[in-house]
Amino acid sequence: TTCPANIEGKIGYYGSSTETAISPGTWEAAYAGAQVALTAAERVRSGAPAAFALCRPPGHHAASDMFGGYCFLNNAAIATQYLRDKGAARVAILDVDFHHGNGTQDIFDSRDDVLFVSLHGDPMETFPYYLGHATETGSGAGEGYTLNFPMPPGTPYAVWRQSLAQGLARIADFAPDLLVVSLGVDAFERDPISF
């Protein structure tokens, strides 16, 4: 498919959601967020037991060829690839945002060196809708390296906690050198768009 010449067509070609506005400063903000993630990755790679990267805009909806969900660069994926490039043989990503990390799943879908585990709202009812089903487990060499836990509205904390325990068990079995967490706090019990 060829990219349209019209600006509205280009937005639809490269973007997965129209609410993700581009304005002056968008690139600088997205780039700065990615640099924060890379700084945290380097600190952990250099021996820090953990690092917290407060990145805005968020990133987990950005795929390798598409922006969306207020995300332009995938900070978790950038940090993960950096860690791989610097010698980590295996990296796991745990995404606990209420919305599925469709961009992260897309980026690592066919790879067996990165495990992607996501706890999120059911894509039949919540954004981003098209990815995040439990049946999606990766493709090619990545088959079995994606683990999705979609949950419907009203899911009680005990079910979420059980899903988290299963995800952490899979991460332990994968035995990654490092763990990257996509921490969205919209799964908080009082968030109006949460479970």
N, C-alpha and C. Protein backbone atom coordinates (compact mmCIF):
# COMPACT_ATOMS: atom_id res chain seq x y z
N THR A 1 0.84 -1.18 0.00
CA THR A 1 0.00 0.00 0.00
C THR A 1 0.88 1.24 0.00
N THR A 2 0.55 2.17 -0.84
CA THR A 2 1.30 3.41 -0.95
C THR A 2 0.72 4.46 -0.01
N CYS A 3 1.59 5.21 0.62
CA CYS A 3 1.17 6.28 1.53
C CYS A 3 0.53 7.42 0.73
N PRO A 4 -0.64 7.88 1.12
CA PRO A 4 -1.29 9.00 0.43
C PRO A 4 -0.47 10.29 0.56
N ALA A 5 -0.67 11.20 -0.38
CA ALA A 5 0.02 12.49 -0.35
C ALA A 5 -0.66 13.46 0.62
N ASN A 6 -1.95 13.33 0.80
CA ASN A 6 -2.73 14.22 1.66
C ASN A 6 -2.36 14.00 3.12
N ILE A 7 -2.27 15.08 3.91
CA ILE A 7 -1.85 14.99 5.31
C ILE A 7 -2.80 14.12 6.14
N GLU A 8 -4.11 14.23 5.92
CA GLU A 8 -5.05 13.38 6.65
C GLU A 8 -4.82 11.91 6.32
N GLY A 9 -4.54 11.63 5.07
CA GLY A 9 -4.24 10.26 4.65
C GLY A 9 -2.96 9.75 5.27
N LYS A 10 -1.97 10.62 5.37
CA LYS A 10 -0.70 10.22 5.99
C LYS A 10 -0.89 9.89 7.47
N ILE A 11 -1.72 10.67 8.15
CA ILE A 11 -1.98 10.39 9.57
C ILE A 11 -2.63 9.02 9.72
N GLY A 12 -3.59 8.71 8.86
CA GLY A 12 -4.22 7.40 8.90
C GLY A 12 -3.29 6.27 8.50
N TYR A 13 -2.33 6.57 7.65
CA TYR A 13 -1.37 5.55 7.18
C TYR A 13 -0.37 5.19 8.28
N TYR A 14 0.07 6.21 9.02
CA TYR A 14 1.09 6.00 10.05
C TYR A 14 0.55 5.96 11.47
N GLY A 15 -0.73 6.25 11.66
CA GLY A 15 -1.28 6.31 13.00
C GLY A 15 -2.44 5.35 13.18
N SER A 16 -2.53 4.80 14.39
CA SER A 16 -3.60 3.83 14.67
C SER A 16 -4.79 4.45 15.38
N SER A 17 -4.69 5.72 15.78
CA SER A 17 -5.80 6.34 16.50
C SER A 17 -5.76 7.85 16.29
N THR A 18 -6.90 8.42 15.97
CA THR A 18 -6.95 9.84 15.61
C THR A 18 -6.83 10.78 16.80
N GLU A 19 -7.00 10.29 18.02
CA GLU A 19 -6.88 11.19 19.18
C GLU A 19 -5.42 11.51 19.51
N THR A 20 -4.49 10.88 18.84
CA THR A 20 -3.07 11.11 19.10
C THR A 20 -2.61 12.28 18.23
N ALA A 21 -2.68 13.46 18.79
CA ALA A 21 -2.37 14.68 18.05
C ALA A 21 -0.87 14.91 17.95
N ILE A 22 -0.48 15.48 16.83
CA ILE A 22 0.91 15.90 16.61
C ILE A 22 0.91 17.42 16.62
N SER A 23 1.79 18.01 17.40
CA SER A 23 1.87 19.45 17.51
C SER A 23 3.33 19.86 17.62
N PRO A 24 3.61 21.16 17.58
CA PRO A 24 5.00 21.58 17.78
C PRO A 24 5.52 21.03 19.10
N GLY A 25 6.69 20.45 19.07
CA GLY A 25 7.29 19.89 20.28
C GLY A 25 7.05 18.40 20.46
N THR A 26 6.20 17.81 19.62
CA THR A 26 5.90 16.38 19.77
C THR A 26 7.17 15.55 19.64
N TRP A 27 7.95 15.78 18.58
CA TRP A 27 9.17 14.98 18.40
C TRP A 27 10.12 15.16 19.57
N GLU A 28 10.33 16.38 20.02
CA GLU A 28 11.25 16.63 21.12
C GLU A 28 10.80 15.91 22.40
N ALA A 29 9.50 15.93 22.66
CA ALA A 29 8.98 15.26 23.86
C ALA A 29 9.13 13.74 23.75
N ALA A 30 8.79 13.18 22.59
CA ALA A 30 8.91 11.73 22.40
C ALA A 30 10.37 11.30 22.49
N TYR A 31 11.25 12.07 21.87
CA TYR A 31 12.68 11.75 21.90
C TYR A 31 13.22 11.83 23.33
N ALA A 32 12.81 12.85 24.07
CA ALA A 32 13.26 12.98 25.46
C ALA A 32 12.78 11.80 26.30
N GLY A 33 11.55 11.36 26.10
CA GLY A 33 11.04 10.19 26.81
C GLY A 33 11.87 8.95 26.53
N ALA A 34 12.23 8.76 25.27
CA ALA A 34 13.06 7.61 24.90
C ALA A 34 14.44 7.72 25.54
N GLN A 35 14.99 8.92 25.62
CA GLN A 35 16.30 9.10 26.25
C GLN A 35 16.24 8.78 27.74
N VAL A 36 15.13 9.11 28.39
CA VAL A 36 14.95 8.76 29.81
C VAL A 36 14.97 7.24 29.96
N ALA A 37 14.25 6.53 29.09
CA ALA A 37 14.23 5.06 29.14
C ALA A 37 15.62 4.48 28.90
N LEU A 38 16.35 5.05 27.96
CA LEU A 38 17.72 4.57 27.69
C LEU A 38 18.64 4.84 28.87
N THR A 39 18.47 5.97 29.53
CA THR A 39 19.29 6.27 30.71
C THR A 39 19.03 5.25 31.81
N ALA A 40 17.76 4.91 32.03
CA ALA A 40 17.43 3.90 33.04
C ALA A 40 18.02 2.54 32.66
N ALA A 41 17.91 2.18 31.38
CA ALA A 41 18.46 0.90 30.92
C ALA A 41 19.97 0.85 31.14
N GLU A 42 20.65 1.93 30.85
CA GLU A 42 22.10 1.97 31.03
C GLU A 42 22.47 1.88 32.51
N ARG A 43 21.71 2.52 33.37
CA ARG A 43 22.01 2.44 34.81
C ARG A 43 21.90 1.00 35.30
N VAL A 44 20.85 0.30 34.89
CA VAL A 44 20.69 -1.10 35.30
C VAL A 44 21.78 -1.96 34.68
N ARG A 45 22.07 -1.72 33.43
CA ARG A 45 23.14 -2.48 32.75
C ARG A 45 24.48 -2.27 33.45
N SER A 46 24.66 -1.10 34.02
CA SER A 46 25.92 -0.77 34.70
C SER A 46 25.95 -1.19 36.16
N GLY A 47 24.91 -1.89 36.63
CA GLY A 47 24.96 -2.44 37.97
C GLY A 47 23.92 -1.98 38.95
N ALA A 48 23.15 -0.95 38.63
CA ALA A 48 22.09 -0.53 39.55
C ALA A 48 21.06 -1.66 39.66
N PRO A 49 20.55 -1.94 40.86
CA PRO A 49 19.59 -3.04 41.00
C PRO A 49 18.26 -2.77 40.31
N ALA A 50 17.91 -1.51 40.13
CA ALA A 50 16.66 -1.13 39.47
C ALA A 50 16.75 0.34 39.08
N ALA A 51 15.93 0.74 38.14
CA ALA A 51 15.83 2.14 37.76
C ALA A 51 14.39 2.42 37.36
N PHE A 52 13.91 3.61 37.65
CA PHE A 52 12.55 4.02 37.32
C PHE A 52 12.64 5.13 36.30
N ALA A 53 12.04 4.93 35.14
CA ALA A 53 12.06 5.94 34.08
C ALA A 53 10.65 6.49 33.91
N LEU A 54 10.45 7.73 34.31
CA LEU A 54 9.14 8.37 34.17
C LEU A 54 9.10 9.03 32.79
N CYS A 55 8.54 8.32 31.83
CA CYS A 55 8.55 8.75 30.43
C CYS A 55 7.19 9.28 29.99
N ARG A 56 7.17 10.46 29.43
CA ARG A 56 5.98 11.01 28.79
C ARG A 56 6.42 11.59 27.47
N PRO A 57 5.73 11.40 26.39
CA PRO A 57 4.55 10.57 26.31
C PRO A 57 4.87 9.10 26.54
N PRO A 58 3.83 8.31 26.83
CA PRO A 58 4.07 6.88 27.05
C PRO A 58 4.52 6.24 25.74
N GLY A 59 4.68 4.96 25.71
CA GLY A 59 5.20 4.38 24.48
C GLY A 59 4.60 3.08 24.01
N HIS A 60 3.92 2.34 24.86
CA HIS A 60 3.63 0.95 24.51
C HIS A 60 2.62 0.75 23.38
N HIS A 61 1.97 1.80 22.90
CA HIS A 61 1.09 1.67 21.73
C HIS A 61 1.83 1.95 20.43
N ALA A 62 3.04 2.47 20.49
CA ALA A 62 3.81 2.75 19.28
C ALA A 62 4.44 1.46 18.76
N ALA A 63 4.15 1.15 17.51
CA ALA A 63 4.74 -0.03 16.86
C ALA A 63 5.95 0.41 16.05
N SER A 64 6.55 -0.51 15.33
CA SER A 64 7.74 -0.15 14.56
C SER A 64 7.42 0.79 13.41
N ASP A 65 6.17 0.78 12.94
CA ASP A 65 5.81 1.60 11.79
C ASP A 65 4.54 2.44 12.00
N MET A 66 4.10 2.60 13.25
CA MET A 66 2.85 3.30 13.49
C MET A 66 2.80 3.91 14.89
N PHE A 67 2.28 5.13 14.98
CA PHE A 67 2.05 5.75 16.28
C PHE A 67 0.58 5.59 16.64
N GLY A 68 0.25 5.85 17.90
CA GLY A 68 -1.14 5.78 18.32
C GLY A 68 -1.24 5.72 19.83
N GLY A 69 -2.44 5.92 20.34
CA GLY A 69 -2.66 5.85 21.78
C GLY A 69 -1.78 6.80 22.56
N TYR A 70 -1.53 7.99 22.00
CA TYR A 70 -0.67 9.02 22.60
C TYR A 70 0.79 8.62 22.62
N CYS A 71 1.17 7.61 21.86
CA CYS A 71 2.55 7.09 21.85
C CYS A 71 3.18 7.29 20.48
N PHE A 72 4.41 7.77 20.47
CA PHE A 72 5.13 8.00 19.23
C PHE A 72 6.37 7.14 19.12
N LEU A 73 7.08 6.96 20.21
CA LEU A 73 8.24 6.06 20.29
C LEU A 73 7.97 5.10 21.44
N ASN A 74 8.30 3.84 21.23
CA ASN A 74 8.02 2.82 22.25
C ASN A 74 9.19 2.74 23.22
N ASN A 75 9.07 3.44 24.34
CA ASN A 75 10.17 3.55 25.31
C ASN A 75 10.61 2.19 25.84
N ALA A 76 9.67 1.31 26.17
CA ALA A 76 10.03 -0.02 26.69
C ALA A 76 10.76 -0.83 25.64
N ALA A 77 10.29 -0.75 24.39
CA ALA A 77 10.94 -1.50 23.32
C ALA A 77 12.34 -0.95 23.03
N ILE A 78 12.47 0.36 23.06
CA ILE A 78 13.78 0.98 22.82
C ILE A 78 14.76 0.57 23.91
N ALA A 79 14.33 0.62 25.17
CA ALA A 79 15.19 0.20 26.28
C ALA A 79 15.54 -1.28 26.17
N THR A 80 14.55 -2.09 25.81
CA THR A 80 14.78 -3.54 25.68
C THR A 80 15.80 -3.83 24.58
N GLN A 81 15.64 -3.20 23.43
CA GLN A 81 16.58 -3.45 22.34
C GLN A 81 17.98 -2.95 22.70
N TYR A 82 18.05 -1.85 23.40
CA TYR A 82 19.35 -1.34 23.87
C TYR A 82 20.02 -2.37 24.77
N LEU A 83 19.26 -2.93 25.70
CA LEU A 83 19.82 -3.95 26.60
C LEU A 83 20.29 -5.17 25.82
N ARG A 84 19.52 -5.57 24.82
CA ARG A 84 19.94 -6.69 23.97
C ARG A 84 21.23 -6.33 23.22
N ASP A 85 21.27 -5.15 22.64
CA ASP A 85 22.45 -4.72 21.89
C ASP A 85 23.70 -4.66 22.76
N LYS A 86 23.51 -4.39 24.04
CA LYS A 86 24.64 -4.27 24.97
C LYS A 86 24.97 -5.59 25.66
N GLY A 87 24.35 -6.69 25.24
CA GLY A 87 24.79 -7.99 25.74
C GLY A 87 23.80 -8.82 26.52
N ALA A 88 22.64 -8.28 26.87
CA ALA A 88 21.64 -9.10 27.57
C ALA A 88 21.10 -10.13 26.57
N ALA A 89 21.23 -11.40 26.92
CA ALA A 89 20.78 -12.46 26.00
C ALA A 89 19.26 -12.53 25.92
N ARG A 90 18.60 -12.31 27.05
CA ARG A 90 17.15 -12.42 27.12
C ARG A 90 16.61 -11.30 28.00
N VAL A 91 15.56 -10.65 27.52
CA VAL A 91 14.92 -9.58 28.26
C VAL A 91 13.41 -9.86 28.28
N ALA A 92 12.79 -9.70 29.42
CA ALA A 92 11.34 -9.83 29.54
C ALA A 92 10.73 -8.45 29.72
N ILE A 93 9.53 -8.28 29.17
CA ILE A 93 8.76 -7.06 29.35
C ILE A 93 7.44 -7.44 30.01
N LEU A 94 7.16 -6.80 31.13
CA LEU A 94 5.89 -6.98 31.83
C LEU A 94 5.10 -5.68 31.70
N ASP A 95 3.96 -5.74 31.06
CA ASP A 95 3.12 -4.56 30.82
C ASP A 95 1.86 -4.68 31.68
N VAL A 96 1.70 -3.77 32.63
CA VAL A 96 0.55 -3.82 33.53
C VAL A 96 -0.40 -2.63 33.34
N ASP A 97 -0.27 -1.92 32.24
CA ASP A 97 -1.21 -0.85 31.91
C ASP A 97 -2.58 -1.47 31.63
N PHE A 98 -3.65 -0.75 31.94
CA PHE A 98 -5.00 -1.25 31.65
C PHE A 98 -5.20 -1.50 30.15
N HIS A 99 -4.52 -0.72 29.32
CA HIS A 99 -4.62 -0.88 27.88
C HIS A 99 -3.46 -1.74 27.37
N HIS A 100 -3.77 -2.66 26.50
CA HIS A 100 -2.77 -3.58 25.97
C HIS A 100 -1.65 -2.84 25.25
N GLY A 101 -0.42 -3.30 25.44
CA GLY A 101 0.74 -2.74 24.76
C GLY A 101 0.87 -3.30 23.35
N ASN A 102 -0.06 -2.92 22.49
CA ASN A 102 -0.11 -3.46 21.14
C ASN A 102 1.16 -3.17 20.34
N GLY A 103 1.75 -2.00 20.55
CA GLY A 103 2.98 -1.68 19.84
C GLY A 103 4.13 -2.56 20.28
N THR A 104 4.24 -2.79 21.57
CA THR A 104 5.31 -3.65 22.09
C THR A 104 5.13 -5.07 21.57
N GLN A 105 3.91 -5.58 21.61
CA GLN A 105 3.66 -6.92 21.09
C GLN A 105 4.04 -6.99 19.61
N ASP A 106 3.65 -5.99 18.84
CA ASP A 106 3.96 -5.98 17.41
C ASP A 106 5.47 -6.00 17.16
N ILE A 107 6.21 -5.22 17.91
CA ILE A 107 7.65 -5.11 17.69
C ILE A 107 8.37 -6.43 17.97
N PHE A 108 7.97 -7.14 19.02
CA PHE A 108 8.69 -8.35 19.42
C PHE A 108 7.96 -9.65 19.05
N ASP A 109 6.90 -9.57 18.29
CA ASP A 109 6.04 -10.72 17.99
C ASP A 109 6.79 -11.95 17.45
N SER A 110 7.79 -11.76 16.64
CA SER A 110 8.46 -12.90 15.99
C SER A 110 9.84 -13.19 16.59
N ARG A 111 10.07 -12.74 17.81
CA ARG A 111 11.38 -12.94 18.43
C ARG A 111 11.29 -13.82 19.66
N ASP A 112 12.32 -14.63 19.86
CA ASP A 112 12.37 -15.51 21.04
C ASP A 112 13.38 -15.05 22.09
N ASP A 113 13.99 -13.89 21.87
CA ASP A 113 14.93 -13.34 22.84
C ASP A 113 14.28 -12.32 23.77
N VAL A 114 13.02 -11.99 23.49
CA VAL A 114 12.25 -11.06 24.31
C VAL A 114 10.90 -11.70 24.61
N LEU A 115 10.57 -11.81 25.89
CA LEU A 115 9.27 -12.31 26.32
C LEU A 115 8.39 -11.11 26.65
N PHE A 116 7.18 -11.09 26.11
CA PHE A 116 6.23 -10.01 26.38
C PHE A 116 5.03 -10.58 27.13
N VAL A 117 4.80 -10.07 28.35
CA VAL A 117 3.67 -10.49 29.18
C VAL A 117 2.83 -9.25 29.47
N SER A 118 1.52 -9.34 29.21
CA SER A 118 0.65 -8.18 29.38
C SER A 118 -0.64 -8.54 30.12
N LEU A 119 -0.98 -7.72 31.12
CA LEU A 119 -2.25 -7.81 31.84
C LEU A 119 -3.04 -6.57 31.46
N HIS A 120 -4.24 -6.73 30.90
CA HIS A 120 -4.94 -5.57 30.35
C HIS A 120 -6.43 -5.86 30.19
N GLY A 121 -7.17 -4.79 29.88
CA GLY A 121 -8.59 -4.92 29.60
C GLY A 121 -8.83 -5.70 28.32
N ASP A 122 -9.94 -6.37 28.24
CA ASP A 122 -10.32 -7.18 27.09
C ASP A 122 -10.35 -6.33 25.82
N PRO A 123 -9.58 -6.70 24.78
CA PRO A 123 -9.55 -5.90 23.56
C PRO A 123 -10.88 -5.90 22.79
N MET A 124 -11.81 -6.75 23.15
CA MET A 124 -13.14 -6.69 22.54
C MET A 124 -13.93 -5.49 23.08
N GLU A 125 -13.45 -4.92 24.20
CA GLU A 125 -14.19 -3.84 24.84
C GLU A 125 -13.35 -2.60 25.11
N THR A 126 -12.03 -2.70 25.05
CA THR A 126 -11.18 -1.56 25.41
C THR A 126 -10.09 -1.32 24.37
N PHE A 127 -9.69 -0.07 24.25
CA PHE A 127 -8.59 0.33 23.38
C PHE A 127 -7.35 -0.49 23.75
N PRO A 128 -6.57 -0.90 22.80
CA PRO A 128 -6.55 -0.62 21.37
C PRO A 128 -7.35 -1.58 20.49
N TYR A 129 -8.11 -2.45 21.06
CA TYR A 129 -9.09 -3.32 20.40
C TYR A 129 -8.52 -4.46 19.56
N TYR A 130 -7.57 -4.25 18.71
CA TYR A 130 -7.22 -5.25 17.71
C TYR A 130 -6.17 -6.26 18.12
N LEU A 131 -5.43 -6.01 19.14
CA LEU A 131 -4.43 -6.96 19.63
C LEU A 131 -4.62 -7.13 21.13
N GLY A 132 -4.08 -8.24 21.65
CA GLY A 132 -4.13 -8.47 23.09
C GLY A 132 -4.98 -9.65 23.49
N HIS A 133 -5.41 -10.42 22.52
CA HIS A 133 -6.22 -11.61 22.82
C HIS A 133 -5.32 -12.71 23.39
N ALA A 134 -5.88 -13.55 24.24
CA ALA A 134 -5.11 -14.63 24.86
C ALA A 134 -4.56 -15.61 23.83
N THR A 135 -5.20 -15.70 22.68
CA THR A 135 -4.75 -16.62 21.63
C THR A 135 -3.51 -16.11 20.89
N GLU A 136 -3.15 -14.87 21.08
CA GLU A 136 -1.96 -14.30 20.42
C GLU A 136 -0.75 -14.64 21.27
N THR A 137 0.09 -15.52 20.77
CA THR A 137 1.23 -16.01 21.54
C THR A 137 2.56 -15.77 20.85
N GLY A 138 2.57 -15.00 19.77
CA GLY A 138 3.78 -14.77 19.01
C GLY A 138 3.71 -15.51 17.68
N SER A 139 4.67 -15.22 16.81
CA SER A 139 4.69 -15.88 15.51
C SER A 139 6.11 -16.27 15.14
N GLY A 140 6.24 -17.27 14.28
CA GLY A 140 7.56 -17.73 13.85
C GLY A 140 8.40 -18.11 15.05
N ALA A 141 9.63 -17.61 15.08
CA ALA A 141 10.53 -17.91 16.20
C ALA A 141 9.97 -17.38 17.52
N GLY A 142 9.07 -16.41 17.46
CA GLY A 142 8.49 -15.83 18.66
C GLY A 142 7.28 -16.56 19.21
N GLU A 143 6.89 -17.66 18.58
CA GLU A 143 5.73 -18.43 19.08
C GLU A 143 6.00 -18.87 20.51
N GLY A 144 5.08 -18.51 21.41
CA GLY A 144 5.22 -18.85 22.82
C GLY A 144 5.92 -17.78 23.65
N TYR A 145 6.29 -16.66 23.02
CA TYR A 145 7.01 -15.61 23.74
C TYR A 145 6.16 -14.35 23.93
N THR A 146 4.86 -14.49 23.69
CA THR A 146 3.88 -13.46 24.03
C THR A 146 2.83 -14.13 24.90
N LEU A 147 2.52 -13.51 26.03
CA LEU A 147 1.51 -14.05 26.94
C LEU A 147 0.57 -12.91 27.33
N ASN A 148 -0.66 -12.98 26.85
CA ASN A 148 -1.67 -11.96 27.12
C ASN A 148 -2.70 -12.44 28.12
N PHE A 149 -3.03 -11.56 29.06
CA PHE A 149 -4.08 -11.81 30.04
C PHE A 149 -5.16 -10.74 29.89
N PRO A 150 -6.06 -10.87 28.89
CA PRO A 150 -7.14 -9.89 28.76
C PRO A 150 -8.22 -10.16 29.80
N MET A 151 -8.74 -9.08 30.40
CA MET A 151 -9.74 -9.21 31.46
C MET A 151 -10.91 -8.27 31.20
N PRO A 152 -12.14 -8.76 31.39
CA PRO A 152 -13.32 -7.94 31.12
C PRO A 152 -13.54 -6.88 32.20
N PRO A 153 -14.40 -5.89 31.90
CA PRO A 153 -14.76 -4.91 32.93
C PRO A 153 -15.30 -5.62 34.16
N GLY A 154 -14.99 -5.07 35.31
CA GLY A 154 -15.47 -5.65 36.56
C GLY A 154 -14.61 -6.77 37.10
N THR A 155 -13.48 -7.03 36.46
CA THR A 155 -12.58 -8.09 36.95
C THR A 155 -12.13 -7.76 38.36
N PRO A 156 -12.32 -8.66 39.32
CA PRO A 156 -11.88 -8.38 40.69
C PRO A 156 -10.35 -8.48 40.81
N TYR A 157 -9.85 -7.80 41.82
CA TYR A 157 -8.40 -7.78 42.05
C TYR A 157 -7.83 -9.18 42.19
N ALA A 158 -8.54 -10.10 42.81
CA ALA A 158 -8.03 -11.46 43.02
C ALA A 158 -7.71 -12.14 41.68
N VAL A 159 -8.53 -11.89 40.67
CA VAL A 159 -8.28 -12.47 39.34
C VAL A 159 -7.07 -11.80 38.70
N TRP A 160 -6.99 -10.47 38.82
CA TRP A 160 -5.83 -9.75 38.29
C TRP A 160 -4.55 -10.25 38.96
N ARG A 161 -4.60 -10.39 40.27
CA ARG A 161 -3.42 -10.86 41.02
C ARG A 161 -3.02 -12.28 40.59
N GLN A 162 -3.99 -13.14 40.35
CA GLN A 162 -3.70 -14.50 39.88
C GLN A 162 -3.06 -14.46 38.49
N SER A 163 -3.55 -13.59 37.63
CA SER A 163 -2.95 -13.43 36.30
C SER A 163 -1.52 -12.93 36.41
N LEU A 164 -1.31 -11.97 37.31
CA LEU A 164 0.05 -11.47 37.53
C LEU A 164 0.96 -12.60 38.00
N ALA A 165 0.49 -13.42 38.92
CA ALA A 165 1.31 -14.55 39.41
C ALA A 165 1.66 -15.50 38.27
N GLN A 166 0.71 -15.77 37.38
CA GLN A 166 0.99 -16.64 36.23
C GLN A 166 2.00 -15.99 35.29
N GLY A 167 1.85 -14.69 35.08
CA GLY A 167 2.79 -13.98 34.22
C GLY A 167 4.19 -13.98 34.81
N LEU A 168 4.29 -13.74 36.11
CA LEU A 168 5.61 -13.75 36.77
C LEU A 168 6.23 -15.13 36.75
N ALA A 169 5.41 -16.18 36.85
CA ALA A 169 5.94 -17.55 36.75
C ALA A 169 6.51 -17.80 35.36
N ARG A 170 5.82 -17.30 34.32
CA ARG A 170 6.34 -17.47 32.95
C ARG A 170 7.64 -16.69 32.78
N ILE A 171 7.70 -15.51 33.36
CA ILE A 171 8.94 -14.72 33.30
C ILE A 171 10.07 -15.47 34.00
N ALA A 172 9.81 -16.04 35.16
CA ALA A 172 10.83 -16.82 35.88
C ALA A 172 11.30 -18.00 35.04
N ASP A 173 10.37 -18.69 34.37
CA ASP A 173 10.75 -19.81 33.50
C ASP A 173 11.62 -19.34 32.34
N PHE A 174 11.34 -18.17 31.82
CA PHE A 174 12.11 -17.59 30.71
C PHE A 174 13.52 -17.25 31.16
N ALA A 175 13.69 -16.96 32.44
CA ALA A 175 14.99 -16.62 33.05
C ALA A 175 15.70 -15.48 32.32
N PRO A 176 15.06 -14.31 32.27
CA PRO A 176 15.69 -13.20 31.55
C PRO A 176 16.88 -12.64 32.32
N ASP A 177 17.78 -12.02 31.57
CA ASP A 177 18.87 -11.29 32.20
C ASP A 177 18.34 -10.03 32.87
N LEU A 178 17.32 -9.43 32.25
CA LEU A 178 16.75 -8.18 32.76
C LEU A 178 15.25 -8.14 32.50
N LEU A 179 14.56 -7.36 33.31
CA LEU A 179 13.12 -7.17 33.19
C LEU A 179 12.81 -5.69 32.99
N VAL A 180 12.00 -5.39 31.99
CA VAL A 180 11.51 -4.04 31.74
C VAL A 180 10.02 -4.06 32.07
N VAL A 181 9.56 -3.09 32.85
CA VAL A 181 8.15 -3.01 33.22
C VAL A 181 7.52 -1.78 32.58
N SER A 182 6.47 -2.01 31.80
CA SER A 182 5.64 -0.90 31.30
C SER A 182 4.57 -0.67 32.34
N LEU A 183 4.75 0.36 33.14
CA LEU A 183 3.88 0.60 34.28
C LEU A 183 2.86 1.68 33.96
N GLY A 184 1.69 1.25 33.57
CA GLY A 184 0.59 2.19 33.43
C GLY A 184 -0.23 2.12 34.70
N VAL A 185 -0.52 3.24 35.29
CA VAL A 185 -1.24 3.23 36.57
C VAL A 185 -2.75 3.33 36.38
N ASP A 186 -3.22 3.20 35.15
CA ASP A 186 -4.66 3.26 34.92
C ASP A 186 -5.38 1.95 35.27
N ALA A 187 -4.66 0.97 35.79
CA ALA A 187 -5.31 -0.23 36.32
C ALA A 187 -5.67 -0.04 37.80
N PHE A 188 -5.37 1.14 38.33
CA PHE A 188 -5.70 1.45 39.73
C PHE A 188 -7.21 1.35 39.93
N GLU A 189 -7.62 0.82 41.07
CA GLU A 189 -9.04 0.53 41.31
C GLU A 189 -9.96 1.74 41.20
N ARG A 190 -9.47 2.93 41.42
CA ARG A 190 -10.34 4.10 41.37
C ARG A 190 -10.26 4.85 40.04
N ASP A 191 -9.49 4.33 39.11
CA ASP A 191 -9.43 4.95 37.79
C ASP A 191 -10.75 4.64 37.06
N PRO A 192 -11.41 5.65 36.53
CA PRO A 192 -12.73 5.41 35.91
C PRO A 192 -12.70 4.55 34.66
N ILE A 193 -11.54 4.37 34.03
CA ILE A 193 -11.49 3.53 32.83
C ILE A 193 -10.88 2.17 33.12
N SER A 194 -10.73 1.82 34.36
CA SER A 194 -10.08 0.56 34.75
C SER A 194 -11.09 -0.57 34.86
N PHE A 195 -10.67 -1.65 35.51
CA PHE A 195 -11.49 -2.87 35.63
C PHE A 195 -12.76 -2.65 36.42
